[in-house]
Amino acid sequence: MGAIKDATGKQVVLYGGSMLRDLNITDHMGCQLLWVARYASTLPVDTYTSIGWTLDHVLGWQYCGDGAGSLSGYPMTSPTGKVDISTVLLGGANALATLRNTFAA
């Protein structure tokens, strides 16, 4: 993962949730941030602490998947199919800047 960060200048994000928990995986696998998957209306602390993370390193929370949820006024499908819904947890009022700094080229 160091090579990816060195080449892009961006932090590496691990996406996961229940499978990591079910397999007792707490290793960050070289990633600096977590995008946690939990398809529910709440994000209990143990959702990310049980897999070795603290809230200050949880970039995002995917709370709907496979087009199963909706937000009024937002699309349910894209040109590639059904959409997931996530929220950015880091950055507060600067969440968009945090995403740009993490992912944009």
N, C-alpha and C. Protein backbone atom coordinates (compact mmCIF):
# COMPACT_ATOMS: atom_id res chain seq x y z
N MET A 1 0.81 -1.18 0.00
CA MET A 1 0.00 0.00 0.00
C MET A 1 0.86 1.26 0.00
N GLY A 2 2.06 1.15 0.53
CA GLY A 2 2.96 2.30 0.52
C GLY A 2 3.26 2.77 -0.88
N ALA A 3 3.39 1.83 -1.82
CA ALA A 3 3.68 2.18 -3.20
C ALA A 3 2.52 2.96 -3.81
N ILE A 4 1.30 2.60 -3.46
CA ILE A 4 0.14 3.30 -3.98
C ILE A 4 0.12 4.73 -3.45
N LYS A 5 0.34 4.89 -2.15
CA LYS A 5 0.35 6.23 -1.58
C LYS A 5 1.50 7.04 -2.14
N ASP A 6 2.66 6.41 -2.30
CA ASP A 6 3.82 7.12 -2.86
C ASP A 6 3.54 7.58 -4.29
N ALA A 7 2.89 6.73 -5.07
CA ALA A 7 2.64 7.05 -6.47
C ALA A 7 1.54 8.08 -6.66
N THR A 8 0.54 8.06 -5.77
CA THR A 8 -0.62 8.93 -5.96
C THR A 8 -0.66 10.11 -5.00
N GLY A 9 0.03 9.97 -3.87
CA GLY A 9 -0.05 10.99 -2.84
C GLY A 9 -1.34 10.93 -2.05
N LYS A 10 -2.13 9.89 -2.27
CA LYS A 10 -3.43 9.75 -1.62
C LYS A 10 -3.39 8.65 -0.57
N GLN A 11 -4.24 8.80 0.46
CA GLN A 11 -4.35 7.78 1.48
C GLN A 11 -5.09 6.57 0.91
N VAL A 12 -4.74 5.40 1.39
CA VAL A 12 -5.38 4.16 0.92
C VAL A 12 -6.53 3.83 1.87
N VAL A 13 -7.69 3.52 1.29
CA VAL A 13 -8.91 3.29 2.07
C VAL A 13 -9.29 1.81 1.98
N LEU A 14 -9.55 1.20 3.14
CA LEU A 14 -10.05 -0.17 3.21
C LEU A 14 -11.56 -0.12 3.27
N TYR A 15 -12.22 -0.92 2.43
CA TYR A 15 -13.68 -1.04 2.45
C TYR A 15 -14.01 -2.40 3.02
N GLY A 16 -14.84 -2.44 4.05
CA GLY A 16 -15.23 -3.72 4.62
C GLY A 16 -16.16 -3.53 5.80
N GLY A 17 -16.54 -4.66 6.37
CA GLY A 17 -17.45 -4.63 7.50
C GLY A 17 -17.62 -6.00 8.11
N SER A 18 -18.78 -6.60 7.89
CA SER A 18 -19.14 -7.83 8.59
C SER A 18 -18.20 -8.99 8.28
N MET A 19 -17.69 -9.08 7.07
CA MET A 19 -16.78 -10.18 6.76
C MET A 19 -15.49 -10.05 7.58
N LEU A 20 -14.97 -8.83 7.69
CA LEU A 20 -13.78 -8.62 8.52
C LEU A 20 -14.08 -9.02 9.96
N ARG A 21 -15.24 -8.60 10.46
CA ARG A 21 -15.64 -8.92 11.83
C ARG A 21 -15.82 -10.42 12.00
N ASP A 22 -16.52 -11.07 11.08
CA ASP A 22 -16.77 -12.51 11.18
C ASP A 22 -15.49 -13.32 11.17
N LEU A 23 -14.47 -12.83 10.46
CA LEU A 23 -13.20 -13.54 10.36
C LEU A 23 -12.16 -13.03 11.37
N ASN A 24 -12.61 -12.14 12.28
CA ASN A 24 -11.73 -11.56 13.31
C ASN A 24 -10.50 -10.88 12.71
N ILE A 25 -10.69 -10.20 11.60
CA ILE A 25 -9.58 -9.49 10.96
C ILE A 25 -9.56 -8.06 11.50
N THR A 26 -8.44 -7.70 12.14
CA THR A 26 -8.28 -6.35 12.67
C THR A 26 -7.10 -5.63 12.04
N ASP A 27 -6.38 -6.31 11.17
CA ASP A 27 -5.24 -5.71 10.48
C ASP A 27 -5.74 -4.65 9.51
N HIS A 28 -5.08 -3.52 9.46
CA HIS A 28 -5.49 -2.44 8.56
C HIS A 28 -5.00 -2.65 7.13
N MET A 29 -4.19 -3.68 6.94
CA MET A 29 -3.69 -4.07 5.61
C MET A 29 -3.03 -2.90 4.87
N GLY A 30 -2.34 -2.07 5.62
CA GLY A 30 -1.62 -0.95 5.02
C GLY A 30 -2.47 0.26 4.71
N CYS A 31 -3.74 0.20 5.04
CA CYS A 31 -4.65 1.31 4.74
C CYS A 31 -4.66 2.32 5.88
N GLN A 32 -4.87 3.57 5.52
CA GLN A 32 -4.92 4.63 6.51
C GLN A 32 -6.34 4.97 6.96
N LEU A 33 -7.32 4.65 6.13
CA LEU A 33 -8.71 4.99 6.42
C LEU A 33 -9.61 3.79 6.15
N LEU A 34 -10.79 3.80 6.78
CA LEU A 34 -11.79 2.75 6.61
C LEU A 34 -13.08 3.33 6.04
N TRP A 35 -13.66 2.63 5.08
CA TRP A 35 -15.01 2.91 4.60
C TRP A 35 -15.81 1.68 5.02
N VAL A 36 -16.61 1.81 6.08
CA VAL A 36 -17.27 0.66 6.69
C VAL A 36 -18.63 0.42 6.05
N ALA A 37 -18.93 -0.84 5.80
CA ALA A 37 -20.23 -1.24 5.28
C ALA A 37 -21.08 -1.77 6.42
N ARG A 38 -22.19 -1.13 6.64
CA ARG A 38 -23.17 -1.60 7.63
C ARG A 38 -24.52 -1.12 7.14
N TYR A 39 -25.31 -2.05 6.62
CA TYR A 39 -26.60 -1.71 6.02
C TYR A 39 -27.66 -1.63 7.11
N ALA A 40 -27.62 -0.54 7.85
CA ALA A 40 -28.56 -0.32 8.95
C ALA A 40 -28.68 1.18 9.19
N SER A 41 -29.65 1.56 10.00
CA SER A 41 -29.89 2.98 10.26
C SER A 41 -29.00 3.55 11.36
N THR A 42 -28.18 2.70 11.98
CA THR A 42 -27.26 3.17 13.01
C THR A 42 -25.87 2.59 12.76
N LEU A 43 -24.88 3.24 13.33
CA LEU A 43 -23.50 2.77 13.23
C LEU A 43 -22.93 2.67 14.64
N PRO A 44 -23.20 1.55 15.34
CA PRO A 44 -22.67 1.39 16.68
C PRO A 44 -21.13 1.40 16.68
N VAL A 45 -20.56 1.88 17.76
CA VAL A 45 -19.11 2.00 17.87
C VAL A 45 -18.41 0.68 17.59
N ASP A 46 -18.96 -0.42 18.08
CA ASP A 46 -18.29 -1.72 17.89
C ASP A 46 -18.25 -2.17 16.43
N THR A 47 -19.02 -1.51 15.55
CA THR A 47 -18.99 -1.83 14.13
C THR A 47 -17.58 -1.65 13.56
N TYR A 48 -16.89 -0.61 13.99
CA TYR A 48 -15.53 -0.36 13.50
C TYR A 48 -14.46 -0.70 14.54
N THR A 49 -14.75 -0.57 15.83
CA THR A 49 -13.72 -0.90 16.82
C THR A 49 -13.44 -2.40 16.86
N SER A 50 -14.44 -3.22 16.57
CA SER A 50 -14.24 -4.68 16.59
C SER A 50 -13.34 -5.14 15.45
N ILE A 51 -13.14 -4.28 14.45
CA ILE A 51 -12.22 -4.63 13.37
C ILE A 51 -10.96 -3.76 13.42
N GLY A 52 -10.72 -3.15 14.59
CA GLY A 52 -9.45 -2.50 14.84
C GLY A 52 -9.32 -1.03 14.47
N TRP A 53 -10.43 -0.34 14.30
CA TRP A 53 -10.39 1.06 13.87
C TRP A 53 -10.98 1.98 14.93
N THR A 54 -10.60 3.25 14.87
CA THR A 54 -11.21 4.28 15.71
C THR A 54 -11.97 5.23 14.80
N LEU A 55 -12.92 5.95 15.38
CA LEU A 55 -13.78 6.82 14.59
C LEU A 55 -12.99 7.86 13.80
N ASP A 56 -11.87 8.32 14.34
CA ASP A 56 -11.10 9.34 13.63
C ASP A 56 -10.41 8.82 12.37
N HIS A 57 -10.55 7.51 12.09
CA HIS A 57 -10.01 6.94 10.86
C HIS A 57 -11.09 6.29 9.99
N VAL A 58 -12.36 6.52 10.35
CA VAL A 58 -13.48 6.02 9.54
C VAL A 58 -13.90 7.14 8.59
N LEU A 59 -13.50 6.99 7.34
CA LEU A 59 -13.82 8.01 6.33
C LEU A 59 -15.29 8.00 5.98
N GLY A 60 -15.86 6.80 5.78
CA GLY A 60 -17.25 6.74 5.34
C GLY A 60 -18.00 5.56 5.88
N TRP A 61 -19.31 5.62 5.75
CA TRP A 61 -20.21 4.55 6.18
C TRP A 61 -21.22 4.31 5.07
N GLN A 62 -21.16 3.12 4.48
CA GLN A 62 -22.15 2.72 3.48
C GLN A 62 -23.30 2.09 4.22
N TYR A 63 -24.46 2.74 4.19
CA TYR A 63 -25.59 2.22 4.97
C TYR A 63 -26.71 1.64 4.13
N CYS A 64 -26.62 1.73 2.81
CA CYS A 64 -27.57 1.07 1.91
C CYS A 64 -26.79 0.49 0.75
N GLY A 65 -27.20 -0.66 0.30
CA GLY A 65 -26.52 -1.27 -0.83
C GLY A 65 -27.49 -1.87 -1.82
N ASP A 66 -27.01 -2.06 -3.03
CA ASP A 66 -27.77 -2.71 -4.09
C ASP A 66 -29.09 -2.02 -4.42
N GLY A 67 -29.12 -0.69 -4.23
CA GLY A 67 -30.34 0.04 -4.56
C GLY A 67 -31.49 -0.22 -3.63
N ALA A 68 -31.22 -0.81 -2.44
CA ALA A 68 -32.29 -1.18 -1.52
C ALA A 68 -32.80 -0.01 -0.69
N GLY A 69 -32.08 1.09 -0.62
CA GLY A 69 -32.51 2.25 0.14
C GLY A 69 -32.73 3.43 -0.78
N SER A 70 -33.22 4.52 -0.20
CA SER A 70 -33.40 5.71 -1.03
C SER A 70 -33.35 6.96 -0.19
N LEU A 71 -33.01 8.05 -0.84
CA LEU A 71 -33.09 9.38 -0.27
C LEU A 71 -33.92 10.21 -1.24
N SER A 72 -34.90 10.89 -0.73
CA SER A 72 -35.77 11.67 -1.58
C SER A 72 -34.97 12.64 -2.44
N GLY A 73 -35.22 12.61 -3.74
CA GLY A 73 -34.56 13.51 -4.66
C GLY A 73 -33.23 13.01 -5.20
N TYR A 74 -32.76 11.87 -4.74
CA TYR A 74 -31.49 11.32 -5.21
C TYR A 74 -31.77 10.08 -6.07
N PRO A 75 -30.92 9.83 -7.06
CA PRO A 75 -31.18 8.71 -7.96
C PRO A 75 -31.02 7.35 -7.28
N MET A 76 -31.80 6.40 -7.77
CA MET A 76 -31.71 5.01 -7.29
C MET A 76 -30.90 4.16 -8.25
N THR A 77 -30.70 4.65 -9.47
CA THR A 77 -29.91 3.92 -10.44
C THR A 77 -28.97 4.89 -11.15
N SER A 78 -27.96 4.33 -11.73
CA SER A 78 -26.99 5.09 -12.52
C SER A 78 -26.83 4.37 -13.85
N PRO A 79 -26.05 4.92 -14.77
CA PRO A 79 -25.83 4.21 -16.03
C PRO A 79 -25.25 2.80 -15.84
N THR A 80 -24.63 2.56 -14.69
CA THR A 80 -24.04 1.24 -14.44
C THR A 80 -24.94 0.34 -13.61
N GLY A 81 -26.10 0.82 -13.18
CA GLY A 81 -27.02 -0.01 -12.41
C GLY A 81 -27.45 0.62 -11.10
N LYS A 82 -27.80 -0.22 -10.14
CA LYS A 82 -28.27 0.24 -8.84
C LYS A 82 -27.14 0.95 -8.09
N VAL A 83 -27.52 1.86 -7.19
CA VAL A 83 -26.53 2.64 -6.47
C VAL A 83 -26.54 2.29 -4.98
N ASP A 84 -25.41 2.53 -4.33
CA ASP A 84 -25.28 2.40 -2.89
C ASP A 84 -25.38 3.80 -2.30
N ILE A 85 -25.70 3.88 -1.02
CA ILE A 85 -25.76 5.18 -0.35
C ILE A 85 -24.78 5.15 0.81
N SER A 86 -23.92 6.15 0.84
CA SER A 86 -22.92 6.27 1.89
C SER A 86 -22.91 7.69 2.44
N THR A 87 -22.31 7.83 3.59
CA THR A 87 -22.10 9.14 4.18
C THR A 87 -20.63 9.30 4.53
N VAL A 88 -20.13 10.50 4.41
CA VAL A 88 -18.74 10.79 4.77
C VAL A 88 -18.72 11.19 6.24
N LEU A 89 -17.86 10.54 7.02
CA LEU A 89 -17.80 10.82 8.44
C LEU A 89 -16.66 11.75 8.81
N LEU A 90 -15.61 11.80 8.01
CA LEU A 90 -14.48 12.68 8.30
C LEU A 90 -14.65 14.01 7.59
N GLY A 91 -14.14 15.04 8.18
CA GLY A 91 -14.11 16.33 7.51
C GLY A 91 -15.16 17.31 7.95
N GLY A 92 -16.23 16.85 8.61
CA GLY A 92 -17.27 17.77 9.05
C GLY A 92 -17.76 18.65 7.92
N ALA A 93 -17.73 19.95 8.14
CA ALA A 93 -18.18 20.90 7.12
C ALA A 93 -17.29 20.86 5.89
N ASN A 94 -16.10 20.27 6.04
CA ASN A 94 -15.16 20.17 4.92
C ASN A 94 -15.15 18.77 4.31
N ALA A 95 -16.26 18.04 4.41
CA ALA A 95 -16.31 16.66 3.93
C ALA A 95 -15.98 16.55 2.45
N LEU A 96 -16.46 17.47 1.64
CA LEU A 96 -16.17 17.42 0.21
C LEU A 96 -14.67 17.59 -0.03
N ALA A 97 -14.04 18.50 0.68
CA ALA A 97 -12.60 18.69 0.55
C ALA A 97 -11.85 17.44 1.00
N THR A 98 -12.34 16.80 2.05
CA THR A 98 -11.71 15.57 2.53
C THR A 98 -11.77 14.49 1.45
N LEU A 99 -12.93 14.34 0.80
CA LEU A 99 -13.06 13.36 -0.28
C LEU A 99 -12.13 13.70 -1.44
N ARG A 100 -12.10 14.95 -1.81
CA ARG A 100 -11.22 15.35 -2.92
C ARG A 100 -9.76 15.07 -2.59
N ASN A 101 -9.36 15.38 -1.38
CA ASN A 101 -7.96 15.16 -0.98
C ASN A 101 -7.64 13.68 -0.88
N THR A 102 -8.64 12.86 -0.59
CA THR A 102 -8.41 11.41 -0.45
C THR A 102 -8.41 10.71 -1.80
N PHE A 103 -9.31 11.11 -2.72
CA PHE A 103 -9.51 10.35 -3.94
C PHE A 103 -9.13 11.04 -5.24
N ALA A 104 -9.27 12.33 -5.32
CA ALA A 104 -9.04 13.03 -6.60
C ALA A 104 -7.58 12.97 -7.03
N ALA A 105 -7.40 12.95 -8.34
CA ALA A 105 -6.04 12.90 -8.90
C ALA A 105 -5.36 14.23 -8.78
